[in-house]
Each structure stands twice: as C-alpha cells, then as structure tokens.
Amino acid sequence: MVYPDRMRRNLDVTGGLLLAERVMFALGEHIGRQDAHDVVYECAMHAIEVQQSFLDVLVADARVSAHLTRDEIAALLDPAAYTGLAAQFVDRVLKEEQS
C-alpha cells in the first residue's frame, strides 16, 4: 500500500535539506557551481546547528537571496516538484526491456 501522507512526512523530516543539491544547481547558474556548493553547504550546516529551517537560513544569506527569491527557494525545496533523474532512469529501463 502507498501512504501519501506518510511519504510526505518522511520527505519533510529533513526540513528541505534533502534538496540542497537542487538549490546548489540553481544558485550555481548565478555564482558558479563550486561557490554555490560552498554556500549551500554552509547554510545546511548552519540550519542543522541552530535547528532553524533550511529555507529561512537560505533566505537570510545575502549570497543566496541576491539571486533567488524566497518563493524560488521554497519551490526548489519542494520534493513534490522534483523528480531528479527519474525520467532518464525510466527511459533507460524501458529501452533495455525492448532490446
């Protein structure tokens, strides 16, 4: 059985940290991938240390908020809007099954 409410609760346990890489890629378009990696990592560690929302820490960081709005960051941290490489994996499996 599938329990959507339970699945969402599990995704939300990390407070958005699960999607830090997605934020890093978006920020990287503005400041470069390595700098974005460093900034997002620092924000993630700070959010954990002070037990604050990852979203709030990202928004409060001028290096992030200079390029991404709160709404953009919130959208990036929404697991329901992100499927990652799932489509490519499905395509690869289907292609292998057809061979």
PDB file of N, CA and C in Angstrom:
ATOM      1  N   MET A   1       0.835  -1.187   0.000  1.00  0.00           N
ATOM      2  CA  MET A   1       0.000   0.000   0.000  1.00  0.00           C
ATOM      3  C   MET A   1       0.878   1.248   0.000  1.00  0.00           C
ATOM      4  N   VAL A   2       0.338   2.278  -0.564  1.00  0.00           N
ATOM      5  CA  VAL A   2       1.022   3.566  -0.600  1.00  0.00           C
ATOM      6  C   VAL A   2       0.291   4.521   0.342  1.00  0.00           C
ATOM      7  N   TYR A   3       1.067   5.206   1.176  1.00  0.00           N
ATOM      8  CA  TYR A   3       0.514   6.170   2.122  1.00  0.00           C
ATOM      9  C   TYR A   3       1.103   7.546   1.819  1.00  0.00           C
ATOM     10  N   PRO A   4       0.441   8.325   0.950  1.00  0.00           N
ATOM     11  CA  PRO A   4       0.984   9.624   0.541  1.00  0.00           C
ATOM     12  C   PRO A   4       1.293  10.560   1.718  1.00  0.00           C
ATOM     13  N   ASP A   5       0.444  10.586   2.726  1.00  0.00           N
ATOM     14  CA  ASP A   5       0.691  11.462   3.876  1.00  0.00           C
ATOM     15  C   ASP A   5       1.965  11.055   4.606  1.00  0.00           C
ATOM     16  N   ARG A   6       2.153   9.776   4.770  1.00  0.00           N
ATOM     17  CA  ARG A   6       3.353   9.273   5.442  1.00  0.00           C
ATOM     18  C   ARG A   6       4.601   9.544   4.590  1.00  0.00           C
ATOM     19  N   MET A   7       4.465   9.364   3.285  1.00  0.00           N
ATOM     20  CA  MET A   7       5.591   9.639   2.387  1.00  0.00           C
ATOM     21  C   MET A   7       5.995  11.114   2.484  1.00  0.00           C
ATOM     22  N   ARG A   8       5.009  11.995   2.474  1.00  0.00           N
ATOM     23  CA  ARG A   8       5.302  13.431   2.561  1.00  0.00           C
ATOM     24  C   ARG A   8       5.943  13.763   3.905  1.00  0.00           C
ATOM     25  N   ARG A   9       5.435  13.187   4.975  1.00  0.00           N
ATOM     26  CA  ARG A   9       6.000  13.417   6.304  1.00  0.00           C
ATOM     27  C   ARG A   9       7.472  12.989   6.340  1.00  0.00           C
ATOM     28  N   ASN A  10       7.764  11.863   5.741  1.00  0.00           N
ATOM     29  CA  ASN A  10       9.143  11.378   5.695  1.00  0.00           C
ATOM     30  C   ASN A  10      10.035  12.314   4.879  1.00  0.00           C
ATOM     31  N   LEU A  11       9.523  12.823   3.783  1.00  0.00           N
ATOM     32  CA  LEU A  11      10.296  13.758   2.970  1.00  0.00           C
ATOM     33  C   LEU A  11      10.561  15.064   3.710  1.00  0.00           C
ATOM     34  N   ASP A  12       9.619  15.464   4.536  1.00  0.00           N
ATOM     35  CA  ASP A  12       9.740  16.740   5.249  1.00  0.00           C
ATOM     36  C   ASP A  12      10.606  16.656   6.505  1.00  0.00           C
ATOM     37  N   VAL A  13      10.986  15.458   6.911  1.00  0.00           N
ATOM     38  CA  VAL A  13      11.765  15.278   8.139  1.00  0.00           C
ATOM     39  C   VAL A  13      13.051  16.111   8.110  1.00  0.00           C
ATOM     40  N   THR A  14      13.680  16.204   6.950  1.00  0.00           N
ATOM     41  CA  THR A  14      14.957  16.926   6.863  1.00  0.00           C
ATOM     42  C   THR A  14      14.782  18.435   6.699  1.00  0.00           C
ATOM     43  N   GLY A  15      13.562  18.905   6.644  1.00  0.00           N
ATOM     44  CA  GLY A  15      13.335  20.349   6.524  1.00  0.00           C
ATOM     45  C   GLY A  15      13.875  20.952   5.238  1.00  0.00           C
ATOM     46  N   GLY A  16      13.899  20.170   4.183  1.00  0.00           N
ATOM     47  CA  GLY A  16      14.365  20.679   2.899  1.00  0.00           C
ATOM     48  C   GLY A  16      15.810  20.325   2.587  1.00  0.00           C
ATOM     49  N   LEU A  17      16.549  19.848   3.562  1.00  0.00           N
ATOM     50  CA  LEU A  17      17.960  19.526   3.336  1.00  0.00           C
ATOM     51  C   LEU A  17      18.139  18.465   2.262  1.00  0.00           C
ATOM     52  N   LEU A  18      17.139  17.613   2.083  1.00  0.00           N
ATOM     53  CA  LEU A  18      17.181  16.579   1.073  1.00  0.00           C
ATOM     54  C   LEU A  18      17.395  17.169  -0.326  1.00  0.00           C
ATOM     55  N   LEU A  19      16.933  18.391  -0.536  1.00  0.00           N
ATOM     56  CA  LEU A  19      17.011  19.015  -1.853  1.00  0.00           C
ATOM     57  C   LEU A  19      18.069  20.114  -1.934  1.00  0.00           C
ATOM     58  N   ALA A  20      19.044  20.059  -1.057  1.00  0.00           N
ATOM     59  CA  ALA A  20      20.120  21.054  -1.066  1.00  0.00           C
ATOM     60  C   ALA A  20      20.824  21.096  -2.415  1.00  0.00           C
ATOM     61  N   GLU A  21      21.009  19.942  -3.025  1.00  0.00           N
ATOM     62  CA  GLU A  21      21.697  19.901  -4.319  1.00  0.00           C
ATOM     63  C   GLU A  21      20.917  20.680  -5.382  1.00  0.00           C
ATOM     64  N   ARG A  22      19.617  20.597  -5.319  1.00  0.00           N
ATOM     65  CA  ARG A  22      18.784  21.324  -6.287  1.00  0.00           C
ATOM     66  C   ARG A  22      18.979  22.831  -6.131  1.00  0.00           C
ATOM     67  N   VAL A  23      19.051  23.304  -4.883  1.00  0.00           N
ATOM     68  CA  VAL A  23      19.311  24.721  -4.630  1.00  0.00           C
ATOM     69  C   VAL A  23      20.700  25.087  -5.134  1.00  0.00           C
ATOM     70  N   MET A  24      21.657  24.211  -4.894  1.00  0.00           N
ATOM     71  CA  MET A  24      23.028  24.462  -5.326  1.00  0.00           C
ATOM     72  C   MET A  24      23.103  24.635  -6.843  1.00  0.00           C
ATOM     73  N   PHE A  25      22.414  23.783  -7.593  1.00  0.00           N
ATOM     74  CA  PHE A  25      22.436  23.912  -9.048  1.00  0.00           C
ATOM     75  C   PHE A  25      21.811  25.233  -9.506  1.00  0.00           C
ATOM     76  N   ALA A  26      20.693  25.610  -8.887  1.00  0.00           N
ATOM     77  CA  ALA A  26      20.040  26.872  -9.263  1.00  0.00           C
ATOM     78  C   ALA A  26      20.930  28.068  -8.924  1.00  0.00           C
ATOM     79  N   LEU A  27      21.507  28.056  -7.745  1.00  0.00           N
ATOM     80  CA  LEU A  27      22.393  29.149  -7.348  1.00  0.00           C
ATOM     81  C   LEU A  27      23.655  29.152  -8.202  1.00  0.00           C
ATOM     82  N   GLY A  28      24.122  27.972  -8.574  1.00  0.00           N
ATOM     83  CA  GLY A  28      25.319  27.854  -9.403  1.00  0.00           C
ATOM     84  C   GLY A  28      25.197  28.547 -10.742  1.00  0.00           C
ATOM     85  N   GLU A  29      23.995  28.671 -11.246  1.00  0.00           N
ATOM     86  CA  GLU A  29      23.784  29.394 -12.501  1.00  0.00           C
ATOM     87  C   GLU A  29      24.153  30.866 -12.365  1.00  0.00           C
ATOM     88  N   HIS A  30      24.171  31.359 -11.138  1.00  0.00           N
ATOM     89  CA  HIS A  30      24.463  32.770 -10.889  1.00  0.00           C
ATOM     90  C   HIS A  30      25.887  33.006 -10.383  1.00  0.00           C
ATOM     91  N   ILE A  31      26.378  32.106  -9.549  1.00  0.00           N
ATOM     92  CA  ILE A  31      27.680  32.365  -8.906  1.00  0.00           C
ATOM     93  C   ILE A  31      28.724  31.282  -9.189  1.00  0.00           C
ATOM     94  N   GLY A  32      28.363  30.319  -9.984  1.00  0.00           N
ATOM     95  CA  GLY A  32      29.280  29.222 -10.278  1.00  0.00           C
ATOM     96  C   GLY A  32      29.020  28.042  -9.362  1.00  0.00           C
ATOM     97  N   ARG A  33      29.256  26.862  -9.898  1.00  0.00           N
ATOM     98  CA  ARG A  33      28.888  25.646  -9.185  1.00  0.00           C
ATOM     99  C   ARG A  33      29.659  25.467  -7.877  1.00  0.00           C
ATOM    100  N   GLN A  34      30.965  25.658  -7.899  1.00  0.00           N
ATOM    101  CA  GLN A  34      31.744  25.419  -6.683  1.00  0.00           C
ATOM    102  C   GLN A  34      31.394  26.413  -5.579  1.00  0.00           C
ATOM    103  N   ASP A  35      31.259  27.697  -5.947  1.00  0.00           N
ATOM    104  CA  ASP A  35      30.868  28.697  -4.944  1.00  0.00           C
ATOM    105  C   ASP A  35      29.482  28.391  -4.393  1.00  0.00           C
ATOM    106  N   ALA A  36      28.570  27.991  -5.272  1.00  0.00           N
ATOM    107  CA  ALA A  36      27.218  27.638  -4.827  1.00  0.00           C
ATOM    108  C   ALA A  36      27.260  26.428  -3.895  1.00  0.00           C
ATOM    109  N   HIS A  37      28.081  25.459  -4.221  1.00  0.00           N
ATOM    110  CA  HIS A  37      28.226  24.287  -3.358  1.00  0.00           C
ATOM    111  C   HIS A  37      28.667  24.705  -1.966  1.00  0.00           C
ATOM    112  N   ASP A  38      29.667  25.571  -1.898  1.00  0.00           N
ATOM    113  CA  ASP A  38      30.189  26.021  -0.605  1.00  0.00           C
ATOM    114  C   ASP A  38      29.135  26.785   0.194  1.00  0.00           C
ATOM    115  N   VAL A  39      28.411  27.676  -0.472  1.00  0.00           N
ATOM    116  CA  VAL A  39      27.388  28.488   0.200  1.00  0.00           C
ATOM    117  C   VAL A  39      26.266  27.606   0.726  1.00  0.00           C
ATOM    118  N   VAL A  40      25.762  26.716  -0.107  1.00  0.00           N
ATOM    119  CA  VAL A  40      24.640  25.861   0.293  1.00  0.00           C
ATOM    120  C   VAL A  40      25.079  24.905   1.401  1.00  0.00           C
ATOM    121  N   TYR A  41      26.291  24.405   1.324  1.00  0.00           N
ATOM    122  CA  TYR A  41      26.808  23.541   2.389  1.00  0.00           C
ATOM    123  C   TYR A  41      26.859  24.297   3.715  1.00  0.00           C
ATOM    124  N   GLU A  42      27.399  25.512   3.690  1.00  0.00           N
ATOM    125  CA  GLU A  42      27.469  26.321   4.910  1.00  0.00           C
ATOM    126  C   GLU A  42      26.072  26.573   5.472  1.00  0.00           C
ATOM    127  N   CYS A  43      25.131  26.878   4.601  1.00  0.00           N
ATOM    128  CA  CYS A  43      23.757  27.125   5.049  1.00  0.00           C
ATOM    129  C   CYS A  43      23.139  25.861   5.647  1.00  0.00           C
ATOM    130  N   ALA A  44      23.369  24.731   5.020  1.00  0.00           N
ATOM    131  CA  ALA A  44      22.823  23.471   5.518  1.00  0.00           C
ATOM    132  C   ALA A  44      23.379  23.153   6.905  1.00  0.00           C
ATOM    133  N   MET A  45      24.681  23.306   7.058  1.00  0.00           N
ATOM    134  CA  MET A  45      25.299  23.024   8.354  1.00  0.00           C
ATOM    135  C   MET A  45      24.793  23.991   9.428  1.00  0.00           C
ATOM    136  N   HIS A  46      24.621  25.256   9.042  1.00  0.00           N
ATOM    137  CA  HIS A  46      24.110  26.248   9.993  1.00  0.00           C
ATOM    138  C   HIS A  46      22.678  25.905  10.408  1.00  0.00           C
ATOM    139  N   ALA A  47      21.856  25.514   9.428  1.00  0.00           N
ATOM    140  CA  ALA A  47      20.458  25.156   9.732  1.00  0.00           C
ATOM    141  C   ALA A  47      20.402  24.009  10.738  1.00  0.00           C
ATOM    142  N   ILE A  48      21.287  23.043  10.572  1.00  0.00           N
ATOM    143  CA  ILE A  48      21.327  21.909  11.498  1.00  0.00           C
ATOM    144  C   ILE A  48      21.813  22.357  12.874  1.00  0.00           C
ATOM    145  N   GLU A  49      22.881  23.139  12.898  1.00  0.00           N
ATOM    146  CA  GLU A  49      23.478  23.573  14.168  1.00  0.00           C
ATOM    147  C   GLU A  49      22.519  24.390  15.021  1.00  0.00           C
ATOM    148  N   VAL A  50      21.788  25.296  14.381  1.00  0.00           N
ATOM    149  CA  VAL A  50      20.901  26.182  15.144  1.00  0.00           C
ATOM    150  C   VAL A  50      19.456  25.696  15.128  1.00  0.00           C
ATOM    151  N   GLN A  51      19.225  24.528  14.497  1.00  0.00           N
ATOM    152  CA  GLN A  51      17.889  23.943  14.393  1.00  0.00           C
ATOM    153  C   GLN A  51      16.887  24.948  13.837  1.00  0.00           C
ATOM    154  N   GLN A  52      17.280  25.542  12.734  1.00  0.00           N
ATOM    155  CA  GLN A  52      16.445  26.528  12.048  1.00  0.00           C
ATOM    156  C   GLN A  52      16.062  25.965  10.686  1.00  0.00           C
ATOM    157  N   SER A  53      14.985  26.431  10.145  1.00  0.00           N
ATOM    158  CA  SER A  53      14.531  25.998   8.830  1.00  0.00           C
ATOM    159  C   SER A  53      15.601  26.285   7.781  1.00  0.00           C
ATOM    160  N   PHE A  54      15.872  25.286   6.933  1.00  0.00           N
ATOM    161  CA  PHE A  54      16.831  25.460   5.845  1.00  0.00           C
ATOM    162  C   PHE A  54      16.391  26.602   4.937  1.00  0.00           C
ATOM    163  N   LEU A  55      15.099  26.682   4.668  1.00  0.00           N
ATOM    164  CA  LEU A  55      14.557  27.773   3.858  1.00  0.00           C
ATOM    165  C   LEU A  55      14.902  29.124   4.475  1.00  0.00           C
ATOM    166  N   ASP A  56      14.659  29.279   5.764  1.00  0.00           N
ATOM    167  CA  ASP A  56      14.928  30.558   6.426  1.00  0.00           C
ATOM    168  C   ASP A  56      16.414  30.899   6.409  1.00  0.00           C
ATOM    169  N   VAL A  57      17.262  29.901   6.594  1.00  0.00           N
ATOM    170  CA  VAL A  57      18.711  30.147   6.568  1.00  0.00           C
ATOM    171  C   VAL A  57      19.141  30.574   5.170  1.00  0.00           C
ATOM    172  N   LEU A  58      18.629  29.914   4.148  1.00  0.00           N
ATOM    173  CA  LEU A  58      18.983  30.283   2.776  1.00  0.00           C
ATOM    174  C   LEU A  58      18.525  31.705   2.452  1.00  0.00           C
ATOM    175  N   VAL A  59      17.303  32.023   2.835  1.00  0.00           N
ATOM    176  CA  VAL A  59      16.759  33.358   2.552  1.00  0.00           C
ATOM    177  C   VAL A  59      17.557  34.439   3.283  1.00  0.00           C
ATOM    178  N   ALA A  60      18.007  34.139   4.486  1.00  0.00           N
ATOM    179  CA  ALA A  60      18.751  35.120   5.286  1.00  0.00           C
ATOM    180  C   ALA A  60      20.175  35.327   4.786  1.00  0.00           C
ATOM    181  N   ASP A  61      20.673  34.412   3.981  1.00  0.00           N
ATOM    182  CA  ASP A  61      22.037  34.520   3.476  1.00  0.00           C
ATOM    183  C   ASP A  61      22.048  35.416   2.240  1.00  0.00           C
ATOM    184  N   ALA A  62      22.758  36.526   2.317  1.00  0.00           N
ATOM    185  CA  ALA A  62      22.793  37.508   1.228  1.00  0.00           C
ATOM    186  C   ALA A  62      23.363  36.914  -0.056  1.00  0.00           C
ATOM    187  N   ARG A  63      24.237  35.936   0.064  1.00  0.00           N
ATOM    188  CA  ARG A  63      24.820  35.307  -1.129  1.00  0.00           C
ATOM    189  C   ARG A  63      23.772  34.521  -1.912  1.00  0.00           C
ATOM    190  N   VAL A  64      22.745  34.084  -1.219  1.00  0.00           N
ATOM    191  CA  VAL A  64      21.656  33.344  -1.856  1.00  0.00           C
ATOM    192  C   VAL A  64      20.544  34.303  -2.267  1.00  0.00           C
ATOM    193  N   SER A  65      20.098  35.124  -1.332  1.00  0.00           N
ATOM    194  CA  SER A  65      18.943  36.000  -1.595  1.00  0.00           C
ATOM    195  C   SER A  65      19.234  37.074  -2.639  1.00  0.00           C
ATOM    196  N   ALA A  66      20.495  37.298  -2.956  1.00  0.00           N
ATOM    197  CA  ALA A  66      20.824  38.240  -4.034  1.00  0.00           C
ATOM    198  C   ALA A  66      20.420  37.672  -5.394  1.00  0.00           C
ATOM    199  N   HIS A  67      20.207  36.362  -5.458  1.00  0.00           N
ATOM    200  CA  HIS A  67      19.934  35.715  -6.737  1.00  0.00           C
ATOM    201  C   HIS A  67      18.633  34.930  -6.786  1.00  0.00           C
ATOM    202  N   LEU A  68      18.155  34.477  -5.635  1.00  0.00           N
ATOM    203  CA  LEU A  68      16.937  33.675  -5.584  1.00  0.00           C
ATOM    204  C   LEU A  68      15.973  34.257  -4.554  1.00  0.00           C
ATOM    205  N   THR A  69      14.713  34.370  -4.932  1.00  0.00           N
ATOM    206  CA  THR A  69      13.702  34.873  -4.007  1.00  0.00           C
ATOM    207  C   THR A  69      13.275  33.762  -3.052  1.00  0.00           C
ATOM    208  N   ARG A  70      12.591  34.153  -1.998  1.00  0.00           N
ATOM    209  CA  ARG A  70      12.066  33.163  -1.045  1.00  0.00           C
ATOM    210  C   ARG A  70      11.164  32.160  -1.757  1.00  0.00           C
ATOM    211  N   ASP A  71      10.294  32.643  -2.635  1.00  0.00           N
ATOM    212  CA  ASP A  71       9.392  31.743  -3.353  1.00  0.00           C
ATOM    213  C   ASP A  71      10.162  30.780  -4.252  1.00  0.00           C
ATOM    214  N   GLU A  72      11.211  31.263  -4.903  1.00  0.00           N
ATOM    215  CA  GLU A  72      12.016  30.386  -5.753  1.00  0.00           C
ATOM    216  C   GLU A  72      12.704  29.310  -4.919  1.00  0.00           C
ATOM    217  N   ILE A  73      13.253  29.712  -3.791  1.00  0.00           N
ATOM    218  CA  ILE A  73      13.927  28.754  -2.912  1.00  0.00           C
ATOM    219  C   ILE A  73      12.927  27.737  -2.384  1.00  0.00           C
ATOM    220  N   ALA A  74      11.758  28.211  -1.963  1.00  0.00           N
ATOM    221  CA  ALA A  74      10.729  27.293  -1.453  1.00  0.00           C
ATOM    222  C   ALA A  74      10.331  26.283  -2.529  1.00  0.00           C
ATOM    223  N   ALA A  75      10.201  26.735  -3.763  1.00  0.00           N
ATOM    224  CA  ALA A  75       9.856  25.823  -4.859  1.00  0.00           C
ATOM    225  C   ALA A  75      10.959  24.799  -5.080  1.00  0.00           C
ATOM    226  N   LEU A  76      12.204  25.227  -4.972  1.00  0.00           N
ATOM    227  CA  LEU A  76      13.331  24.309  -5.139  1.00  0.00           C
ATOM    228  C   LEU A  76      13.372  23.255  -4.032  1.00  0.00           C
ATOM    229  N   LEU A  77      12.890  23.621  -2.851  1.00  0.00           N
ATOM    230  CA  LEU A  77      12.909  22.712  -1.705  1.00  0.00           C
ATOM    231  C   LEU A  77      11.662  21.832  -1.610  1.00  0.00           C
ATOM    232  N   ASP A  78      10.752  21.966  -2.565  1.00  0.00           N
ATOM    233  CA  ASP A  78       9.515  21.170  -2.552  1.00  0.00           C
ATOM    234  C   ASP A  78       9.769  19.819  -3.219  1.00  0.00           C
ATOM    235  N   PRO A  79       9.798  18.747  -2.447  1.00  0.00           N
ATOM    236  CA  PRO A  79      10.098  17.435  -3.038  1.00  0.00           C
ATOM    237  C   PRO A  79       9.043  16.969  -4.045  1.00  0.00           C
ATOM    238  N   ALA A  80       7.833  17.470  -3.932  1.00  0.00           N
ATOM    239  CA  ALA A  80       6.776  17.068  -4.858  1.00  0.00           C
ATOM    240  C   ALA A  80       7.020  17.610  -6.264  1.00  0.00           C
ATOM    241  N   ALA A  81       7.822  18.656  -6.366  1.00  0.00           N
ATOM    242  CA  ALA A  81       8.083  19.286  -7.660  1.00  0.00           C
ATOM    243  C   ALA A  81       9.383  18.803  -8.285  1.00  0.00           C
ATOM    244  N   TYR A  82      10.028  17.834  -7.662  1.00  0.00           N
ATOM    245  CA  TYR A  82      11.343  17.414  -8.134  1.00  0.00           C
ATOM    246  C   TYR A  82      11.403  15.909  -8.313  1.00  0.00           C
ATOM    247  N   THR A  83      11.689  15.498  -9.511  1.00  0.00           N
ATOM    248  CA  THR A  83      11.804  14.072  -9.791  1.00  0.00           C
ATOM    249  C   THR A  83      13.242  13.673 -10.115  1.00  0.00           C
ATOM    250  N   GLY A  84      14.128  14.637 -10.107  1.00  0.00           N
ATOM    251  CA  GLY A  84      15.537  14.335 -10.358  1.00  0.00           C
ATOM    252  C   GLY A  84      15.732  13.654 -11.694  1.00  0.00           C
ATOM    253  N   LEU A  85      16.446  12.561 -11.696  1.00  0.00           N
ATOM    254  CA  LEU A  85      16.751  11.824 -12.923  1.00  0.00           C
ATOM    255  C   LEU A  85      15.782  10.669 -13.160  1.00  0.00           C
ATOM    256  N   ALA A  86      14.662  10.671 -12.471  1.00  0.00           N
ATOM    257  CA  ALA A  86      13.721   9.555 -12.575  1.00  0.00           C
ATOM    258  C   ALA A  86      13.300   9.285 -14.020  1.00  0.00           C
ATOM    259  N   ALA A  87      13.031  10.318 -14.787  1.00  0.00           N
ATOM    260  CA  ALA A  87      12.591  10.123 -16.175  1.00  0.00           C
ATOM    261  C   ALA A  87      13.672   9.426 -17.001  1.00  0.00           C
ATOM    262  N   GLN A  88      14.923   9.825 -16.808  1.00  0.00           N
ATOM    263  CA  GLN A  88      16.012   9.186 -17.550  1.00  0.00           C
ATOM    264  C   GLN A  88      16.154   7.717 -17.148  1.00  0.00           C
ATOM    265  N   PHE A  89      16.001   7.413 -15.853  1.00  0.00           N
ATOM    266  CA  PHE A  89      16.092   6.028 -15.407  1.00  0.00           C
ATOM    267  C   PHE A  89      14.965   5.185 -15.996  1.00  0.00           C
ATOM    268  N   VAL A  90      13.770   5.731 -16.029  1.00  0.00           N
ATOM    269  CA  VAL A  90      12.638   5.008 -16.600  1.00  0.00           C
ATOM    270  C   VAL A  90      12.887   4.758 -18.080  1.00  0.00           C
ATOM    271  N   ASP A  91      13.341   5.783 -18.797  1.00  0.00           N
ATOM    272  CA  ASP A  91      13.627   5.621 -20.223  1.00  0.00           C
ATOM    273  C   ASP A  91      14.683   4.538 -20.461  1.00  0.00           C
ATOM    274  N   ARG A  92      15.724   4.520 -19.630  1.00  0.00           N
ATOM    275  CA  ARG A  92      16.788   3.525 -19.791  1.00  0.00           C
ATOM    276  C   ARG A  92      16.255   2.111 -19.540  1.00  0.00           C
ATOM    277  N   VAL A  93      15.450   1.956 -18.513  1.00  0.00           N
ATOM    278  CA  VAL A  93      14.886   0.633 -18.214  1.00  0.00           C
ATOM    279  C   VAL A  93      13.984   0.176 -19.342  1.00  0.00           C
ATOM    280  N   LEU A  94      13.145   1.072 -19.833  1.00  0.00           N
ATOM    281  CA  LEU A  94      12.246   0.707 -20.930  1.00  0.00           C
ATOM    282  C   LEU A  94      13.020   0.335 -22.181  1.00  0.00           C
ATOM    283  N   LYS A  95      14.068   1.070 -22.453  1.00  0.00           N
ATOM    284  CA  LYS A  95      14.898   0.779 -23.629  1.00  0.00           C
ATOM    285  C   LYS A  95      15.554  -0.593 -23.486  1.00  0.00           C
ATOM    286  N   GLU A  96      16.033  -0.909 -22.301  1.00  0.00           N
ATOM    287  CA  GLU A  96      16.663  -2.209 -22.062  1.00  0.00           C
ATOM    288  C   GLU A  96      15.648  -3.344 -22.190  1.00  0.00           C
ATOM    289  N   GLU A  97      14.419  -3.107 -21.759  1.00  0.00           N
ATOM    290  CA  GLU A  97      13.376  -4.129 -21.842  1.00  0.00           C
ATOM    291  C   GLU A  97      12.976  -4.395 -23.294  1.00  0.00           C
ATOM    292  N   GLN A  98      13.079  -3.381 -24.133  1.00  0.00           N
ATOM    293  CA  GLN A  98      12.690  -3.528 -25.539  1.00  0.00           C
ATOM    294  C   GLN A  98      13.777  -4.228 -26.351  1.00  0.00           C
ATOM    295  N   SER A  99      14.982  -4.277 -25.811  1.00  0.00           N
ATOM    296  CA  SER A  99      16.097  -4.913 -26.540  1.00  0.00           C
ATOM    297  C   SER A  99      16.043  -6.409 -26.485  1.00  0.00           C
TER     298      SER A  99
END
